[in-house]
Amino acid sequence: QVQLVESGGGLVQAGGSLTLSCVASGVDFVNYIWGWVRRAPGKDGEGIACITWTGGSTYYSDSVKGRFKVSRDNAKNTLYLEMNDLKPEDTAMYYCAADTGPFTGWATFAADFTDWGQGTQVTVAS
């Protein structure tokens, strides 16, 4: 009974910042690499950030590299996403996801993941 609760989304002006959180329960948090996937209306999910088991490595999609920072607190079973310099194209529903790892690219990250939470909506106004 994995449960993921994403929070922190909202409406923000372009150039602004938001920090998202994902609290996980029912899972051995540290045994997985974790990341964030976003889905805009009418589009496929896009993996954007991933962090390895103890935070030693991070991976970002080209679309967010340099603007977003993913982190994790294994003691709190929590994943974070710091989003800076937000752009209208960042508007999407954001979900956290786990993968057994290692990270092998965005085409495979969380490809078999099923325990999606409710997500948190990020809307960036221009």
C-alpha atoms as a PDB file:
ATOM      1  CA  GLN A   1       0.000   0.000   0.000  1.00  0.00           C
ATOM      2  CA  VAL A   2       2.357   2.603  -1.278  1.00  0.00           C
ATOM      3  CA  GLN A   3       1.095   6.112  -0.832  1.00  0.00           C
ATOM      4  CA  LEU A   4       2.675   9.190  -2.328  1.00  0.00           C
ATOM      5  CA  VAL A   5       1.479  12.648  -1.442  1.00  0.00           C
ATOM      6  CA  GLU A   6       2.740  15.505  -3.557  1.00  0.00           C
ATOM      7  CA  SER A   7       2.317  19.079  -2.438  1.00  0.00           C
ATOM      8  CA  GLY A   8       3.652  22.556  -2.963  1.00  0.00           C
ATOM      9  CA  GLY A   9       2.227  23.412  -6.336  1.00  0.00           C
ATOM     10  CA  GLY A  10       0.334  26.544  -7.118  1.00  0.00           C
ATOM     11  CA  LEU A  11       0.032  29.549  -9.352  1.00  0.00           C
ATOM     12  CA  VAL A  12       3.162  31.602  -9.869  1.00  0.00           C
ATOM     13  CA  GLN A  13       4.316  34.304 -12.265  1.00  0.00           C
ATOM     14  CA  ALA A  14       7.016  33.580 -14.798  1.00  0.00           C
ATOM     15  CA  GLY A  15      10.402  33.912 -13.169  1.00  0.00           C
ATOM     16  CA  GLY A  16       9.103  32.834  -9.804  1.00  0.00           C
ATOM     17  CA  SER A  17       9.940  29.835  -7.672  1.00  0.00           C
ATOM     18  CA  LEU A  18       8.169  26.941  -6.035  1.00  0.00           C
ATOM     19  CA  THR A  19       9.305  23.963  -4.010  1.00  0.00           C
ATOM     20  CA  LEU A  20       7.439  20.704  -4.321  1.00  0.00           C
ATOM     21  CA  SER A  21       7.437  17.894  -1.791  1.00  0.00           C
ATOM     22  CA  CYS A  22       6.566  14.228  -2.048  1.00  0.00           C
ATOM     23  CA  VAL A  23       6.026  12.258   1.131  1.00  0.00           C
ATOM     24  CA  ALA A  24       6.136   8.502   0.655  1.00  0.00           C
ATOM     25  CA  SER A  25       4.760   5.784   2.884  1.00  0.00           C
ATOM     26  CA  GLY A  26       4.441   2.038   2.529  1.00  0.00           C
ATOM     27  CA  VAL A  27       7.778   1.780   0.763  1.00  0.00           C
ATOM     28  CA  ASP A  28      11.426   1.405   1.712  1.00  0.00           C
ATOM     29  CA  PHE A  29      12.250   4.858   0.498  1.00  0.00           C
ATOM     30  CA  VAL A  30      16.025   4.516   0.503  1.00  0.00           C
ATOM     31  CA  ASN A  31      15.944   1.400  -1.686  1.00  0.00           C
ATOM     32  CA  TYR A  32      14.892   3.395  -4.723  1.00  0.00           C
ATOM     33  CA  ILE A  33      16.046   6.205  -6.850  1.00  0.00           C
ATOM     34  CA  TRP A  34      13.366   8.857  -6.943  1.00  0.00           C
ATOM     35  CA  GLY A  35      12.383  11.522  -9.352  1.00  0.00           C
ATOM     36  CA  TRP A  36       9.761  13.810 -10.744  1.00  0.00           C
ATOM     37  CA  VAL A  37       7.587  13.364 -13.780  1.00  0.00           C
ATOM     38  CA  ARG A  38       5.317  16.061 -15.126  1.00  0.00           C
ATOM     39  CA  ARG A  39       2.419  15.890 -17.495  1.00  0.00           C
ATOM     40  CA  ALA A  40       0.960  18.816 -19.336  1.00  0.00           C
ATOM     41  CA  PRO A  41      -2.526  18.653 -20.829  1.00  0.00           C
ATOM     42  CA  GLY A  42      -2.595  16.530 -23.958  1.00  0.00           C
ATOM     43  CA  LYS A  43       1.029  15.511 -23.637  1.00  0.00           C
ATOM     44  CA  ASP A  44       2.898  12.448 -22.462  1.00  0.00           C
ATOM     45  CA  GLY A  45       4.636  12.380 -19.134  1.00  0.00           C
ATOM     46  CA  GLU A  46       8.072  13.951 -19.064  1.00  0.00           C
ATOM     47  CA  GLY A  47      10.703  12.838 -16.597  1.00  0.00           C
ATOM     48  CA  ILE A  48      12.547  15.930 -15.447  1.00  0.00           C
ATOM     49  CA  ALA A  49      14.622  15.152 -12.364  1.00  0.00           C
ATOM     50  CA  CYS A  50      16.022  12.107 -10.612  1.00  0.00           C
ATOM     51  CA  ILE A  51      18.177  11.514  -7.562  1.00  0.00           C
ATOM     52  CA  THR A  52      20.013   8.367  -6.589  1.00  0.00           C
ATOM     53  CA  TRP A  53      19.680   6.365  -3.399  1.00  0.00           C
ATOM     54  CA  THR A  54      21.597   8.601  -1.011  1.00  0.00           C
ATOM     55  CA  GLY A  55      21.595  11.698  -3.134  1.00  0.00           C
ATOM     56  CA  GLY A  56      25.019  11.171  -4.649  1.00  0.00           C
ATOM     57  CA  SER A  57      23.917  11.820  -8.205  1.00  0.00           C
ATOM     58  CA  THR A  58      21.201  13.823  -9.837  1.00  0.00           C
ATOM     59  CA  TYR A  59      19.865  13.876 -13.369  1.00  0.00           C
ATOM     60  CA  TYR A  60      17.852  16.524 -15.139  1.00  0.00           C
ATOM     61  CA  SER A  61      16.115  16.825 -18.435  1.00  0.00           C
ATOM     62  CA  ASP A  62      17.349  19.521 -20.763  1.00  0.00           C
ATOM     63  CA  SER A  63      14.142  21.435 -20.244  1.00  0.00           C
ATOM     64  CA  VAL A  64      14.811  22.077 -16.549  1.00  0.00           C
ATOM     65  CA  LYS A  65      18.561  21.766 -16.169  1.00  0.00           C
ATOM     66  CA  GLY A  66      20.003  24.754 -14.387  1.00  0.00           C
ATOM     67  CA  ARG A  67      16.655  25.844 -13.010  1.00  0.00           C
ATOM     68  CA  PHE A  68      15.430  22.916 -10.914  1.00  0.00           C
ATOM     69  CA  LYS A  69      17.101  21.033  -8.087  1.00  0.00           C
ATOM     70  CA  VAL A  70      15.973  17.661  -6.791  1.00  0.00           C
ATOM     71  CA  SER A  71      16.838  16.498  -3.299  1.00  0.00           C
ATOM     72  CA  ARG A  72      15.750  13.853  -0.838  1.00  0.00           C
ATOM     73  CA  ASP A  73      15.579  13.302   2.892  1.00  0.00           C
ATOM     74  CA  ASN A  74      15.608   9.579   3.499  1.00  0.00           C
ATOM     75  CA  ALA A  75      14.922   9.998   7.208  1.00  0.00           C
ATOM     76  CA  LYS A  76      11.677  11.751   6.326  1.00  0.00           C
ATOM     77  CA  ASN A  77      10.797   9.610   3.304  1.00  0.00           C
ATOM     78  CA  THR A  78      10.513  12.833   1.405  1.00  0.00           C
ATOM     79  CA  LEU A  79      11.530  13.954  -2.051  1.00  0.00           C
ATOM     80  CA  TYR A  80      11.798  17.610  -3.002  1.00  0.00           C
ATOM     81  CA  LEU A  81      11.945  19.631  -6.156  1.00  0.00           C
ATOM     82  CA  GLU A  82      13.146  23.211  -5.992  1.00  0.00           C
ATOM     83  CA  MET A  83      11.962  25.039  -9.075  1.00  0.00           C
ATOM     84  CA  ASN A  84      13.417  28.408  -9.985  1.00  0.00           C
ATOM     85  CA  ASP A  85      12.987  30.779 -12.899  1.00  0.00           C
ATOM     86  CA  LEU A  86       9.710  29.142 -13.741  1.00  0.00           C
ATOM     87  CA  LYS A  87       8.427  29.463 -17.266  1.00  0.00           C
ATOM     88  CA  PRO A  88       4.931  29.060 -18.713  1.00  0.00           C
ATOM     89  CA  GLU A  89       6.058  25.838 -20.375  1.00  0.00           C
ATOM     90  CA  ASP A  90       6.629  24.391 -16.898  1.00  0.00           C
ATOM     91  CA  THR A  91       2.886  24.391 -16.372  1.00  0.00           C
ATOM     92  CA  ALA A  92       1.907  20.788 -15.686  1.00  0.00           C
ATOM     93  CA  MET A  93       0.843  18.310 -13.087  1.00  0.00           C
ATOM     94  CA  TYR A  94       3.905  17.130 -11.188  1.00  0.00           C
ATOM     95  CA  TYR A  95       4.237  13.613  -9.808  1.00  0.00           C
ATOM     96  CA  CYS A  96       6.949  11.846  -7.875  1.00  0.00           C
ATOM     97  CA  ALA A  97       8.019   8.372  -8.893  1.00  0.00           C
ATOM     98  CA  ALA A  98      10.389   5.624  -7.831  1.00  0.00           C
ATOM     99  CA  ASP A  99      12.606   3.309  -9.818  1.00  0.00           C
ATOM    100  CA  THR A 100      14.821   0.414  -8.787  1.00  0.00           C
ATOM    101  CA  GLY A 101      17.664   2.124 -10.609  1.00  0.00           C
ATOM    102  CA  PRO A 102      20.196   2.844 -11.817  1.00  0.00           C
ATOM    103  CA  PHE A 103      19.154   5.786 -13.923  1.00  0.00           C
ATOM    104  CA  THR A 104      19.474   4.848 -17.586  1.00  0.00           C
ATOM    105  CA  GLY A 105      17.631   7.687 -19.229  1.00  0.00           C
ATOM    106  CA  TRP A 106      14.256   9.352 -19.262  1.00  0.00           C
ATOM    107  CA  ALA A 107      12.744   6.771 -21.580  1.00  0.00           C
ATOM    108  CA  THR A 108      13.133   4.128 -18.900  1.00  0.00           C
ATOM    109  CA  PHE A 109      12.903   6.013 -15.644  1.00  0.00           C
ATOM    110  CA  ALA A 110       9.792   4.890 -13.762  1.00  0.00           C
ATOM    111  CA  ALA A 111       8.542   3.169 -16.913  1.00  0.00           C
ATOM    112  CA  ASP A 112       6.977   0.419 -14.828  1.00  0.00           C
ATOM    113  CA  PHE A 113       5.879   2.605 -11.964  1.00  0.00           C
ATOM    114  CA  THR A 114       2.264   2.238 -10.929  1.00  0.00           C
ATOM    115  CA  ASP A 115       1.906   3.823  -7.500  1.00  0.00           C
ATOM    116  CA  TRP A 116       1.287   7.332  -8.697  1.00  0.00           C
ATOM    117  CA  GLY A 117       0.045   9.872  -6.214  1.00  0.00           C
ATOM    118  CA  GLN A 118      -2.452  12.609  -6.871  1.00  0.00           C
ATOM    119  CA  GLY A 119       0.187  14.977  -8.170  1.00  0.00           C
ATOM    120  CA  THR A 120       0.422  18.674  -7.555  1.00  0.00           C
ATOM    121  CA  GLN A 121      -0.477  21.298 -10.120  1.00  0.00           C
ATOM    122  CA  VAL A 122       2.039  23.931 -11.117  1.00  0.00           C
ATOM    123  CA  THR A 123       0.709  26.799 -13.168  1.00  0.00           C
ATOM    124  CA  VAL A 124       3.076  29.485 -14.406  1.00  0.00           C
ATOM    125  CA  ALA A 125       1.461  32.635 -15.678  1.00  0.00           C
ATOM    126  CA  SER A 126       3.086  34.810 -18.304  1.00  0.00           C
END
